[in-house]
Amino acid sequence: MKDITDRAIKYIKENYHHEDISLKKVSREVCLSHYYFSHVFKEYCKISFIEYLTKVRLQEAAKLLKNPRLNIDQIAFAVGYQDPGYFSKVFKRAYKISPTRFRRRFFKRRK
């Protein structure tokens, strides 16, 4: 089952930016029912599919926030969120700071 989980992770990392990525879509990619895939993924990764997808998206968002040419809305869309407000809420829940403040702190440290 590790090879299936590895294939799923590879697929997620290549497609996290698509708004329609889902448990069902990834489970079809690895040829498992979404119920079984969910169980296998959590067993091997120790976090749920949605937690993993969110982690990948937010890690990429943190990288993109270091680019001053991109606004928060553009970053939200680039990492697969269609609602910038929801993206900000999820980001803040994970990092304990808003995307705007995260960006400000990054540029403050660089001076």
PDB file of N, CA and C in Angstrom:
ATOM      1  N   MET A   1       0.804  -1.201   0.000  1.00  0.00           N
ATOM      2  CA  MET A   1       0.000   0.000   0.000  1.00  0.00           C
ATOM      3  C   MET A   1       0.851   1.271   0.000  1.00  0.00           C
ATOM      4  N   LYS A   2       2.108   1.155   0.397  1.00  0.00           N
ATOM      5  CA  LYS A   2       2.976   2.331   0.385  1.00  0.00           C
ATOM      6  C   LYS A   2       3.117   2.894  -1.019  1.00  0.00           C
ATOM      7  N   ASP A   3       3.204   2.028  -2.031  1.00  0.00           N
ATOM      8  CA  ASP A   3       3.335   2.515  -3.402  1.00  0.00           C
ATOM      9  C   ASP A   3       2.088   3.285  -3.834  1.00  0.00           C
ATOM     10  N   ILE A   4       0.920   2.862  -3.377  1.00  0.00           N
ATOM     11  CA  ILE A   4      -0.327   3.571  -3.699  1.00  0.00           C
ATOM     12  C   ILE A   4      -0.319   4.948  -3.031  1.00  0.00           C
ATOM     13  N   THR A   5       0.081   4.981  -1.780  1.00  0.00           N
ATOM     14  CA  THR A   5       0.146   6.253  -1.063  1.00  0.00           C
ATOM     15  C   THR A   5       1.171   7.179  -1.714  1.00  0.00           C
ATOM     16  N   ASP A   6       2.304   6.645  -2.119  1.00  0.00           N
ATOM     17  CA  ASP A   6       3.322   7.449  -2.798  1.00  0.00           C
ATOM     18  C   ASP A   6       2.790   8.023  -4.109  1.00  0.00           C
ATOM     19  N   ARG A   7       2.045   7.212  -4.858  1.00  0.00           N
ATOM     20  CA  ARG A   7       1.447   7.694  -6.111  1.00  0.00           C
ATOM     21  C   ARG A   7       0.428   8.798  -5.833  1.00  0.00           C
ATOM     22  N   ALA A   8      -0.348   8.613  -4.791  1.00  0.00           N
ATOM     23  CA  ALA A   8      -1.343   9.623  -4.415  1.00  0.00           C
ATOM     24  C   ALA A   8      -0.664  10.932  -4.019  1.00  0.00           C
ATOM     25  N   ILE A   9       0.387  10.847  -3.232  1.00  0.00           N
ATOM     26  CA  ILE A   9       1.122  12.043  -2.807  1.00  0.00           C
ATOM     27  C   ILE A   9       1.709  12.759  -4.014  1.00  0.00           C
ATOM     28  N   LYS A  10       2.278  12.006  -4.923  1.00  0.00           N
ATOM     29  CA  LYS A  10       2.829  12.603  -6.149  1.00  0.00           C
ATOM     30  C   LYS A  10       1.730  13.318  -6.931  1.00  0.00           C
ATOM     31  N   TYR A  11       0.583  12.683  -7.056  1.00  0.00           N
ATOM     32  CA  TYR A  11      -0.537  13.284  -7.776  1.00  0.00           C
ATOM     33  C   TYR A  11      -1.003  14.571  -7.077  1.00  0.00           C
ATOM     34  N   ILE A  12      -1.101  14.543  -5.767  1.00  0.00           N
ATOM     35  CA  ILE A  12      -1.520  15.720  -5.004  1.00  0.00           C
ATOM     36  C   ILE A  12      -0.523  16.863  -5.203  1.00  0.00           C
ATOM     37  N   LYS A  13       0.752  16.565  -5.104  1.00  0.00           N
ATOM     38  CA  LYS A  13       1.771  17.613  -5.257  1.00  0.00           C
ATOM     39  C   LYS A  13       1.781  18.211  -6.663  1.00  0.00           C
ATOM     40  N   GLU A  14       1.391  17.429  -7.646  1.00  0.00           N
ATOM     41  CA  GLU A  14       1.340  17.929  -9.021  1.00  0.00           C
ATOM     42  C   GLU A  14       0.030  18.647  -9.338  1.00  0.00           C
ATOM     43  N   ASN A  15      -1.017  18.424  -8.535  1.00  0.00           N
ATOM     44  CA  ASN A  15      -2.344  18.937  -8.872  1.00  0.00           C
ATOM     45  C   ASN A  15      -3.046  19.716  -7.765  1.00  0.00           C
ATOM     46  N   TYR A  16      -2.343  20.047  -6.679  1.00  0.00           N
ATOM     47  CA  TYR A  16      -2.965  20.739  -5.550  1.00  0.00           C
ATOM     48  C   TYR A  16      -3.619  22.055  -5.960  1.00  0.00           C
ATOM     49  N   HIS A  17      -3.112  22.672  -7.016  1.00  0.00           N
ATOM     50  CA  HIS A  17      -3.593  23.987  -7.443  1.00  0.00           C
ATOM     51  C   HIS A  17      -4.941  23.936  -8.159  1.00  0.00           C
ATOM     52  N   HIS A  18      -5.395  22.748  -8.499  1.00  0.00           N
ATOM     53  CA  HIS A  18      -6.707  22.611  -9.138  1.00  0.00           C
ATOM     54  C   HIS A  18      -7.792  22.663  -8.065  1.00  0.00           C
ATOM     55  N   GLU A  19      -8.779  23.506  -8.273  1.00  0.00           N
ATOM     56  CA  GLU A  19      -9.839  23.630  -7.274  1.00  0.00           C
ATOM     57  C   GLU A  19     -10.657  22.355  -7.144  1.00  0.00           C
ATOM     58  N   ASP A  20     -10.695  21.542  -8.194  1.00  0.00           N
ATOM     59  CA  ASP A  20     -11.544  20.349  -8.167  1.00  0.00           C
ATOM     60  C   ASP A  20     -10.825  19.082  -7.695  1.00  0.00           C
ATOM     61  N   ILE A  21      -9.621  19.213  -7.163  1.00  0.00           N
ATOM     62  CA  ILE A  21      -8.949  18.031  -6.627  1.00  0.00           C
ATOM     63  C   ILE A  21      -9.750  17.566  -5.401  1.00  0.00           C
ATOM     64  N   SER A  22      -9.946  16.283  -5.323  1.00  0.00           N
ATOM     65  CA  SER A  22     -10.767  15.746  -4.226  1.00  0.00           C
ATOM     66  C   SER A  22     -10.307  14.342  -3.868  1.00  0.00           C
ATOM     67  N   LEU A  23     -10.795  13.873  -2.752  1.00  0.00           N
ATOM     68  CA  LEU A  23     -10.521  12.514  -2.321  1.00  0.00           C
ATOM     69  C   LEU A  23     -10.952  11.524  -3.398  1.00  0.00           C
ATOM     70  N   LYS A  24     -12.131  11.731  -3.949  1.00  0.00           N
ATOM     71  CA  LYS A  24     -12.638  10.818  -4.977  1.00  0.00           C
ATOM     72  C   LYS A  24     -11.756  10.838  -6.221  1.00  0.00           C
ATOM     73  N   LYS A  25     -11.334  12.021  -6.621  1.00  0.00           N
ATOM     74  CA  LYS A  25     -10.499  12.137  -7.816  1.00  0.00           C
ATOM     75  C   LYS A  25      -9.151  11.432  -7.615  1.00  0.00           C
ATOM     76  N   VAL A  26      -8.529  11.649  -6.485  1.00  0.00           N
ATOM     77  CA  VAL A  26      -7.232  11.020  -6.214  1.00  0.00           C
ATOM     78  C   VAL A  26      -7.407   9.513  -6.053  1.00  0.00           C
ATOM     79  N   SER A  27      -8.473   9.086  -5.408  1.00  0.00           N
ATOM     80  CA  SER A  27      -8.690   7.646  -5.244  1.00  0.00           C
ATOM     81  C   SER A  27      -8.876   6.960  -6.602  1.00  0.00           C
ATOM     82  N   ARG A  28      -9.516   7.652  -7.544  1.00  0.00           N
ATOM     83  CA  ARG A  28      -9.644   7.088  -8.904  1.00  0.00           C
ATOM     84  C   ARG A  28      -8.275   6.968  -9.567  1.00  0.00           C
ATOM     85  N   GLU A  29      -7.401   7.934  -9.310  1.00  0.00           N
ATOM     86  CA  GLU A  29      -6.050   7.908  -9.874  1.00  0.00           C
ATOM     87  C   GLU A  29      -5.273   6.683  -9.419  1.00  0.00           C
ATOM     88  N   VAL A  30      -5.519   6.259  -8.197  1.00  0.00           N
ATOM     89  CA  VAL A  30      -4.786   5.108  -7.652  1.00  0.00           C
ATOM     90  C   VAL A  30      -5.633   3.834  -7.668  1.00  0.00           C
ATOM     91  N   CYS A  31      -6.783   3.908  -8.322  1.00  0.00           N
ATOM     92  CA  CYS A  31      -7.658   2.744  -8.551  1.00  0.00           C
ATOM     93  C   CYS A  31      -8.168   2.080  -7.274  1.00  0.00           C
ATOM     94  N   LEU A  32      -8.598   2.903  -6.321  1.00  0.00           N
ATOM     95  CA  LEU A  32      -9.200   2.398  -5.095  1.00  0.00           C
ATOM     96  C   LEU A  32     -10.522   3.124  -4.856  1.00  0.00           C
ATOM     97  N   SER A  33     -11.398   2.496  -4.108  1.00  0.00           N
ATOM     98  CA  SER A  33     -12.619   3.204  -3.712  1.00  0.00           C
ATOM     99  C   SER A  33     -12.204   4.351  -2.798  1.00  0.00           C
ATOM    100  N   HIS A  34     -12.982   5.414  -2.794  1.00  0.00           N
ATOM    101  CA  HIS A  34     -12.595   6.550  -1.968  1.00  0.00           C
ATOM    102  C   HIS A  34     -12.656   6.218  -0.473  1.00  0.00           C
ATOM    103  N   TYR A  35     -13.538   5.301  -0.087  1.00  0.00           N
ATOM    104  CA  TYR A  35     -13.594   4.887   1.319  1.00  0.00           C
ATOM    105  C   TYR A  35     -12.295   4.173   1.732  1.00  0.00           C
ATOM    106  N   TYR A  36     -11.881   3.224   0.915  1.00  0.00           N
ATOM    107  CA  TYR A  36     -10.685   2.459   1.229  1.00  0.00           C
ATOM    108  C   TYR A  36      -9.436   3.337   1.121  1.00  0.00           C
ATOM    109  N   PHE A  37      -9.384   4.162   0.080  1.00  0.00           N
ATOM    110  CA  PHE A  37      -8.247   5.054  -0.100  1.00  0.00           C
ATOM    111  C   PHE A  37      -8.096   5.980   1.109  1.00  0.00           C
ATOM    112  N   SER A  38      -9.194   6.522   1.591  1.00  0.00           N
ATOM    113  CA  SER A  38      -9.164   7.413   2.751  1.00  0.00           C
ATOM    114  C   SER A  38      -8.528   6.705   3.952  1.00  0.00           C
ATOM    115  N   HIS A  39      -8.927   5.472   4.173  1.00  0.00           N
ATOM    116  CA  HIS A  39      -8.386   4.679   5.282  1.00  0.00           C
ATOM    117  C   HIS A  39      -6.889   4.415   5.084  1.00  0.00           C
ATOM    118  N   VAL A  40      -6.519   3.983   3.900  1.00  0.00           N
ATOM    119  CA  VAL A  40      -5.114   3.665   3.602  1.00  0.00           C
ATOM    120  C   VAL A  40      -4.249   4.912   3.731  1.00  0.00           C
ATOM    121  N   PHE A  41      -4.715   6.024   3.174  1.00  0.00           N
ATOM    122  CA  PHE A  41      -3.946   7.268   3.209  1.00  0.00           C
ATOM    123  C   PHE A  41      -3.686   7.697   4.650  1.00  0.00           C
ATOM    124  N   LYS A  42      -4.726   7.682   5.463  1.00  0.00           N
ATOM    125  CA  LYS A  42      -4.569   8.100   6.851  1.00  0.00           C
ATOM    126  C   LYS A  42      -3.659   7.143   7.624  1.00  0.00           C
ATOM    127  N   GLU A  43      -3.759   5.871   7.343  1.00  0.00           N
ATOM    128  CA  GLU A  43      -2.918   4.895   8.022  1.00  0.00           C
ATOM    129  C   GLU A  43      -1.435   5.136   7.721  1.00  0.00           C
ATOM    130  N   TYR A  44      -1.111   5.415   6.483  1.00  0.00           N
ATOM    131  CA  TYR A  44       0.291   5.577   6.091  1.00  0.00           C
ATOM    132  C   TYR A  44       0.827   6.982   6.343  1.00  0.00           C
ATOM    133  N   CYS A  45      -0.008   7.991   6.172  1.00  0.00           N
ATOM    134  CA  CYS A  45       0.461   9.377   6.309  1.00  0.00           C
ATOM    135  C   CYS A  45       0.225   9.972   7.693  1.00  0.00           C
ATOM    136  N   LYS A  46      -0.612   9.311   8.474  1.00  0.00           N
ATOM    137  CA  LYS A  46      -0.942   9.751   9.836  1.00  0.00           C
ATOM    138  C   LYS A  46      -1.750  11.049   9.863  1.00  0.00           C
ATOM    139  N   ILE A  47      -2.213  11.511   8.722  1.00  0.00           N
ATOM    140  CA  ILE A  47      -3.153  12.629   8.636  1.00  0.00           C
ATOM    141  C   ILE A  47      -4.141  12.306   7.519  1.00  0.00           C
ATOM    142  N   SER A  48      -5.274  12.961   7.548  1.00  0.00           N
ATOM    143  CA  SER A  48      -6.300  12.694   6.537  1.00  0.00           C
ATOM    144  C   SER A  48      -5.904  13.311   5.190  1.00  0.00           C
ATOM    145  N   PHE A  49      -6.600  12.885   4.167  1.00  0.00           N
ATOM    146  CA  PHE A  49      -6.363  13.414   2.827  1.00  0.00           C
ATOM    147  C   PHE A  49      -6.502  14.939   2.818  1.00  0.00           C
ATOM    148  N   ILE A  50      -7.594  15.456   3.373  1.00  0.00           N
ATOM    149  CA  ILE A  50      -7.831  16.902   3.322  1.00  0.00           C
ATOM    150  C   ILE A  50      -6.795  17.661   4.144  1.00  0.00           C
ATOM    151  N   GLU A  51      -6.362  17.086   5.262  1.00  0.00           N
ATOM    152  CA  GLU A  51      -5.294  17.732   6.045  1.00  0.00           C
ATOM    153  C   GLU A  51      -4.005  17.796   5.230  1.00  0.00           C
ATOM    154  N   TYR A  52      -3.711  16.720   4.505  1.00  0.00           N
ATOM    155  CA  TYR A  52      -2.493  16.695   3.683  1.00  0.00           C
ATOM    156  C   TYR A  52      -2.595  17.699   2.538  1.00  0.00           C
ATOM    157  N   LEU A  53      -3.725  17.708   1.846  1.00  0.00           N
ATOM    158  CA  LEU A  53      -3.924  18.651   0.742  1.00  0.00           C
ATOM    159  C   LEU A  53      -3.796  20.088   1.239  1.00  0.00           C
ATOM    160  N   THR A  54      -4.400  20.379   2.356  1.00  0.00           N
ATOM    161  CA  THR A  54      -4.314  21.723   2.934  1.00  0.00           C
ATOM    162  C   THR A  54      -2.869  22.075   3.272  1.00  0.00           C
ATOM    163  N   LYS A  55      -2.155  21.131   3.843  1.00  0.00           N
ATOM    164  CA  LYS A  55      -0.738  21.352   4.190  1.00  0.00           C
ATOM    165  C   LYS A  55       0.085  21.677   2.944  1.00  0.00           C
ATOM    166  N   VAL A  56      -0.108  20.925   1.879  1.00  0.00           N
ATOM    167  CA  VAL A  56       0.626  21.165   0.631  1.00  0.00           C
ATOM    168  C   VAL A  56       0.279  22.539   0.079  1.00  0.00           C
ATOM    169  N   ARG A  57      -1.007  22.863   0.059  1.00  0.00           N
ATOM    170  CA  ARG A  57      -1.443  24.165  -0.472  1.00  0.00           C
ATOM    171  C   ARG A  57      -0.870  25.316   0.351  1.00  0.00           C
ATOM    172  N   LEU A  58      -0.906  25.200   1.656  1.00  0.00           N
ATOM    173  CA  LEU A  58      -0.427  26.289   2.503  1.00  0.00           C
ATOM    174  C   LEU A  58       1.090  26.436   2.463  1.00  0.00           C
ATOM    175  N   GLN A  59       1.806  25.345   2.324  1.00  0.00           N
ATOM    176  CA  GLN A  59       3.264  25.445   2.184  1.00  0.00           C
ATOM    177  C   GLN A  59       3.617  26.199   0.901  1.00  0.00           C
ATOM    178  N   GLU A  60       2.900  25.906  -0.170  1.00  0.00           N
ATOM    179  CA  GLU A  60       3.138  26.615  -1.422  1.00  0.00           C
ATOM    180  C   GLU A  60       2.717  28.075  -1.292  1.00  0.00           C
ATOM    181  N   ALA A  61       1.616  28.339  -0.619  1.00  0.00           N
ATOM    182  CA  ALA A  61       1.166  29.716  -0.408  1.00  0.00           C
ATOM    183  C   ALA A  61       2.223  30.512   0.368  1.00  0.00           C
ATOM    184  N   ALA A  62       2.818  29.893   1.374  1.00  0.00           N
ATOM    185  CA  ALA A  62       3.861  30.569   2.157  1.00  0.00           C
ATOM    186  C   ALA A  62       5.038  30.951   1.270  1.00  0.00           C
ATOM    187  N   LYS A  63       5.379  30.098   0.326  1.00  0.00           N
ATOM    188  CA  LYS A  63       6.457  30.425  -0.625  1.00  0.00           C
ATOM    189  C   LYS A  63       6.044  31.587  -1.521  1.00  0.00           C
ATOM    190  N   LEU A  64       4.802  31.535  -2.016  1.00  0.00           N
ATOM    191  CA  LEU A  64       4.323  32.578  -2.930  1.00  0.00           C
ATOM    192  C   LEU A  64       4.166  33.928  -2.237  1.00  0.00           C
ATOM    193  N   LEU A  65       3.900  33.921  -0.953  1.00  0.00           N
ATOM    194  CA  LEU A  65       3.771  35.181  -0.215  1.00  0.00           C
ATOM    195  C   LEU A  65       5.082  35.956  -0.177  1.00  0.00           C
ATOM    196  N   LYS A  66       6.163  35.298  -0.488  1.00  0.00           N
ATOM    197  CA  LYS A  66       7.468  35.957  -0.521  1.00  0.00           C
ATOM    198  C   LYS A  66       7.699  36.708  -1.833  1.00  0.00           C
ATOM    199  N   ASN A  67       6.728  36.598  -2.740  1.00  0.00           N
ATOM    200  CA  ASN A  67       6.785  37.319  -4.020  1.00  0.00           C
ATOM    201  C   ASN A  67       5.876  38.536  -3.921  1.00  0.00           C
ATOM    202  N   PRO A  68       6.447  39.739  -3.815  1.00  0.00           N
ATOM    203  CA  PRO A  68       5.618  40.936  -3.625  1.00  0.00           C
ATOM    204  C   PRO A  68       4.746  41.291  -4.842  1.00  0.00           C
ATOM    205  N   ARG A  69       5.012  40.697  -5.973  1.00  0.00           N
ATOM    206  CA  ARG A  69       4.225  40.991  -7.178  1.00  0.00           C
ATOM    207  C   ARG A  69       2.854  40.321  -7.166  1.00  0.00           C
ATOM    208  N   LEU A  70       2.689  39.312  -6.325  1.00  0.00           N
ATOM    209  CA  LEU A  70       1.416  38.597  -6.260  1.00  0.00           C
ATOM    210  C   LEU A  70       0.595  39.100  -5.082  1.00  0.00           C
ATOM    211  N   ASN A  71      -0.691  39.385  -5.330  1.00  0.00           N
ATOM    212  CA  ASN A  71      -1.540  39.774  -4.203  1.00  0.00           C
ATOM    213  C   ASN A  71      -2.145  38.514  -3.576  1.00  0.00           C
ATOM    214  N   ILE A  72      -2.778  38.697  -2.452  1.00  0.00           N
ATOM    215  CA  ILE A  72      -3.314  37.560  -1.693  1.00  0.00           C
ATOM    216  C   ILE A  72      -4.342  36.779  -2.518  1.00  0.00           C
ATOM    217  N   ASP A  73      -5.195  37.483  -3.248  1.00  0.00           N
ATOM    218  CA  ASP A  73      -6.191  36.808  -4.088  1.00  0.00           C
ATOM    219  C   ASP A  73      -5.517  35.926  -5.135  1.00  0.00           C
ATOM    220  N   GLN A  74      -4.499  36.440  -5.783  1.00  0.00           N
ATOM    221  CA  GLN A  74      -3.775  35.656  -6.799  1.00  0.00           C
ATOM    222  C   GLN A  74      -3.147  34.412  -6.186  1.00  0.00           C
ATOM    223  N   ILE A  75      -2.613  34.561  -4.999  1.00  0.00           N
ATOM    224  CA  ILE A  75      -1.990  33.418  -4.318  1.00  0.00           C
ATOM    225  C   ILE A  75      -3.052  32.388  -3.957  1.00  0.00           C
ATOM    226  N   ALA A  76      -4.183  32.846  -3.449  1.00  0.00           N
ATOM    227  CA  ALA A  76      -5.275  31.927  -3.100  1.00  0.00           C
ATOM    228  C   ALA A  76      -5.673  31.105  -4.322  1.00  0.00           C
ATOM    229  N   PHE A  77      -5.877  31.761  -5.450  1.00  0.00           N
ATOM    230  CA  PHE A  77      -6.268  31.060  -6.678  1.00  0.00           C
ATOM    231  C   PHE A  77      -5.155  30.124  -7.155  1.00  0.00           C
ATOM    232  N   ALA A  78      -3.920  30.563  -7.019  1.00  0.00           N
ATOM    233  CA  ALA A  78      -2.778  29.771  -7.494  1.00  0.00           C
ATOM    234  C   ALA A  78      -2.612  28.461  -6.734  1.00  0.00           C
ATOM    235  N   VAL A  79      -3.065  28.423  -5.484  1.00  0.00           N
ATOM    236  CA  VAL A  79      -2.910  27.203  -4.699  1.00  0.00           C
ATOM    237  C   VAL A  79      -4.211  26.403  -4.580  1.00  0.00           C
ATOM    238  N   GLY A  80      -5.222  26.788  -5.349  1.00  0.00           N
ATOM    239  CA  GLY A  80      -6.428  25.974  -5.423  1.00  0.00           C
ATOM    240  C   GLY A  80      -7.635  26.450  -4.642  1.00  0.00           C
ATOM    241  N   TYR A  81      -7.552  27.611  -4.018  1.00  0.00           N
ATOM    242  CA  TYR A  81      -8.700  28.153  -3.294  1.00  0.00           C
ATOM    243  C   TYR A  81      -9.436  29.143  -4.202  1.00  0.00           C
ATOM    244  N   GLN A  82     -10.742  28.996  -4.299  1.00  0.00           N
ATOM    245  CA  GLN A  82     -11.529  29.897  -5.127  1.00  0.00           C
ATOM    246  C   GLN A  82     -12.112  31.060  -4.344  1.00  0.00           C
ATOM    247  N   ASP A  83     -11.956  31.013  -3.034  1.00  0.00           N
ATOM    248  CA  ASP A  83     -12.446  32.084  -2.166  1.00  0.00           C
ATOM    249  C   ASP A  83     -11.270  32.603  -1.347  1.00  0.00           C
ATOM    250  N   PRO A  84     -10.749  33.785  -1.708  1.00  0.00           N
ATOM    251  CA  PRO A  84      -9.600  34.333  -0.982  1.00  0.00           C
ATOM    252  C   PRO A  84      -9.861  34.523   0.517  1.00  0.00           C
ATOM    253  N   GLY A  85     -11.102  34.830   0.884  1.00  0.00           N
ATOM    254  CA  GLY A  85     -11.429  34.976   2.301  1.00  0.00           C
ATOM    255  C   GLY A  85     -11.281  33.658   3.043  1.00  0.00           C
ATOM    256  N   TYR A  86     -11.736  32.594   2.422  1.00  0.00           N
ATOM    257  CA  TYR A  86     -11.599  31.270   3.036  1.00  0.00           C
ATOM    258  C   TYR A  86     -10.123  30.868   3.098  1.00  0.00           C
ATOM    259  N   PHE A  87      -9.380  31.170   2.037  1.00  0.00           N
ATOM    260  CA  PHE A  87      -7.945  30.894   2.035  1.00  0.00           C
ATOM    261  C   PHE A  87      -7.284  31.584   3.231  1.00  0.00           C
ATOM    262  N   SER A  88      -7.599  32.855   3.437  1.00  0.00           N
ATOM    263  CA  SER A  88      -7.002  33.605   4.549  1.00  0.00           C
ATOM    264  C   SER A  88      -7.359  32.984   5.890  1.00  0.00           C
ATOM    265  N   LYS A  89      -8.600  32.533   6.019  1.00  0.00           N
ATOM    266  CA  LYS A  89      -9.050  31.897   7.257  1.00  0.00           C
ATOM    267  C   LYS A  89      -8.278  30.600   7.516  1.00  0.00           C
ATOM    268  N   VAL A  90      -8.124  29.778   6.488  1.00  0.00           N
ATOM    269  CA  VAL A  90      -7.396  28.507   6.616  1.00  0.00           C
ATOM    270  C   VAL A  90      -5.923  28.777   6.915  1.00  0.00           C
ATOM    271  N   PHE A  91      -5.339  29.748   6.226  1.00  0.00           N
ATOM    272  CA  PHE A  91      -3.938  30.102   6.443  1.00  0.00           C
ATOM    273  C   PHE A  91      -3.724  30.550   7.892  1.00  0.00           C
ATOM    274  N   LYS A  92      -4.604  31.419   8.356  1.00  0.00           N
ATOM    275  CA  LYS A  92      -4.469  31.933   9.721  1.00  0.00           C
ATOM    276  C   LYS A  92      -4.638  30.831  10.758  1.00  0.00           C
ATOM    277  N   ARG A  93      -5.546  29.907  10.504  1.00  0.00           N
ATOM    278  CA  ARG A  93      -5.748  28.789  11.431  1.00  0.00           C
ATOM    279  C   ARG A  93      -4.472  27.937  11.521  1.00  0.00           C
ATOM    280  N   ALA A  94      -3.803  27.756  10.397  1.00  0.00           N
ATOM    281  CA  ALA A  94      -2.605  26.907  10.369  1.00  0.00           C
ATOM    282  C   ALA A  94      -1.360  27.621  10.898  1.00  0.00           C
ATOM    283  N   TYR A  95      -1.175  28.885  10.507  1.00  0.00           N
ATOM    284  CA  TYR A  95       0.059  29.600  10.840  1.00  0.00           C
ATOM    285  C   TYR A  95      -0.088  30.578  12.010  1.00  0.00           C
ATOM    286  N   LYS A  96      -1.327  30.732  12.505  1.00  0.00           N
ATOM    287  CA  LYS A  96      -1.606  31.649  13.623  1.00  0.00           C
ATOM    288  C   LYS A  96      -1.311  33.106  13.270  1.00  0.00           C
ATOM    289  N   ILE A  97      -1.348  33.408  11.983  1.00  0.00           N
ATOM    290  CA  ILE A  97      -1.101  34.766  11.488  1.00  0.00           C
ATOM    291  C   ILE A  97      -1.754  34.867  10.106  1.00  0.00           C
ATOM    292  N   SER A  98      -2.242  36.031   9.773  1.00  0.00           N
ATOM    293  CA  SER A  98      -2.883  36.203   8.473  1.00  0.00           C
ATOM    294  C   SER A  98      -1.830  36.188   7.358  1.00  0.00           C
ATOM    295  N   PRO A  99      -2.241  35.885   6.125  1.00  0.00           N
ATOM    296  CA  PRO A  99      -1.280  35.917   5.018  1.00  0.00           C
ATOM    297  C   PRO A  99      -0.615  37.285   4.858  1.00  0.00           C
ATOM    298  N   THR A 100      -1.362  38.353   5.071  1.00  0.00           N
ATOM    299  CA  THR A 100      -0.816  39.713   4.945  1.00  0.00           C
ATOM    300  C   THR A 100       0.266  39.961   5.987  1.00  0.00           C
ATOM    301  N   ARG A 101      -0.013  39.587   7.226  1.00  0.00           N
ATOM    302  CA  ARG A 101       0.986  39.784   8.288  1.00  0.00           C
ATOM    303  C   ARG A 101       2.194  38.866   8.087  1.00  0.00           C
ATOM    304  N   PHE A 102       1.948  37.634   7.607  1.00  0.00           N
ATOM    305  CA  PHE A 102       3.035  36.709   7.291  1.00  0.00           C
ATOM    306  C   PHE A 102       3.975  37.370   6.286  1.00  0.00           C
ATOM    307  N   ARG A 103       3.404  37.965   5.256  1.00  0.00           N
ATOM    308  CA  ARG A 103       4.194  38.644   4.215  1.00  0.00           C
ATOM    309  C   ARG A 103       4.960  39.821   4.807  1.00  0.00           C
ATOM    310  N   ARG A 104       4.299  40.628   5.601  1.00  0.00           N
ATOM    311  CA  ARG A 104       4.966  41.792   6.208  1.00  0.00           C
ATOM    312  C   ARG A 104       6.154  41.357   7.063  1.00  0.00           C
ATOM    313  N   ARG A 105       5.948  40.319   7.863  1.00  0.00           N
ATOM    314  CA  ARG A 105       7.051  39.835   8.714  1.00  0.00           C
ATOM    315  C   ARG A 105       8.213  39.329   7.877  1.00  0.00           C
ATOM    316  N   PHE A 106       7.907  38.643   6.786  1.00  0.00           N
ATOM    317  CA  PHE A 106       8.972  38.133   5.921  1.00  0.00           C
ATOM    318  C   PHE A 106       9.802  39.292   5.371  1.00  0.00           C
ATOM    319  N   PHE A 107       9.146  40.345   4.878  1.00  0.00           N
ATOM    320  CA  PHE A 107       9.887  41.456   4.283  1.00  0.00           C
ATOM    321  C   PHE A 107      10.570  42.313   5.342  1.00  0.00           C
ATOM    322  N   LYS A 108      10.022  42.347   6.544  1.00  0.00           N
ATOM    323  CA  LYS A 108      10.670  43.082   7.650  1.00  0.00           C
ATOM    324  C   LYS A 108      11.992  42.420   8.009  1.00  0.00           C
ATOM    325  N   ARG A 109      11.986  41.082   8.031  1.00  0.00           N
ATOM    326  CA  ARG A 109      13.197  40.333   8.392  1.00  0.00           C
ATOM    327  C   ARG A 109      14.298  40.484   7.352  1.00  0.00           C
ATOM    328  N   ARG A 110      13.917  40.725   6.121  1.00  0.00           N
ATOM    329  CA  ARG A 110      14.905  40.817   5.039  1.00  0.00           C
ATOM    330  C   ARG A 110      15.635  42.152   5.029  1.00  0.00           C
ATOM    331  N   LYS A 111      15.099  43.146   5.685  1.00  0.00           N
ATOM    332  CA  LYS A 111      15.720  44.493   5.685  1.00  0.00           C
ATOM    333  C   LYS A 111      16.922  44.546   6.576  1.00  0.00           C
TER     334      LYS A 111
END
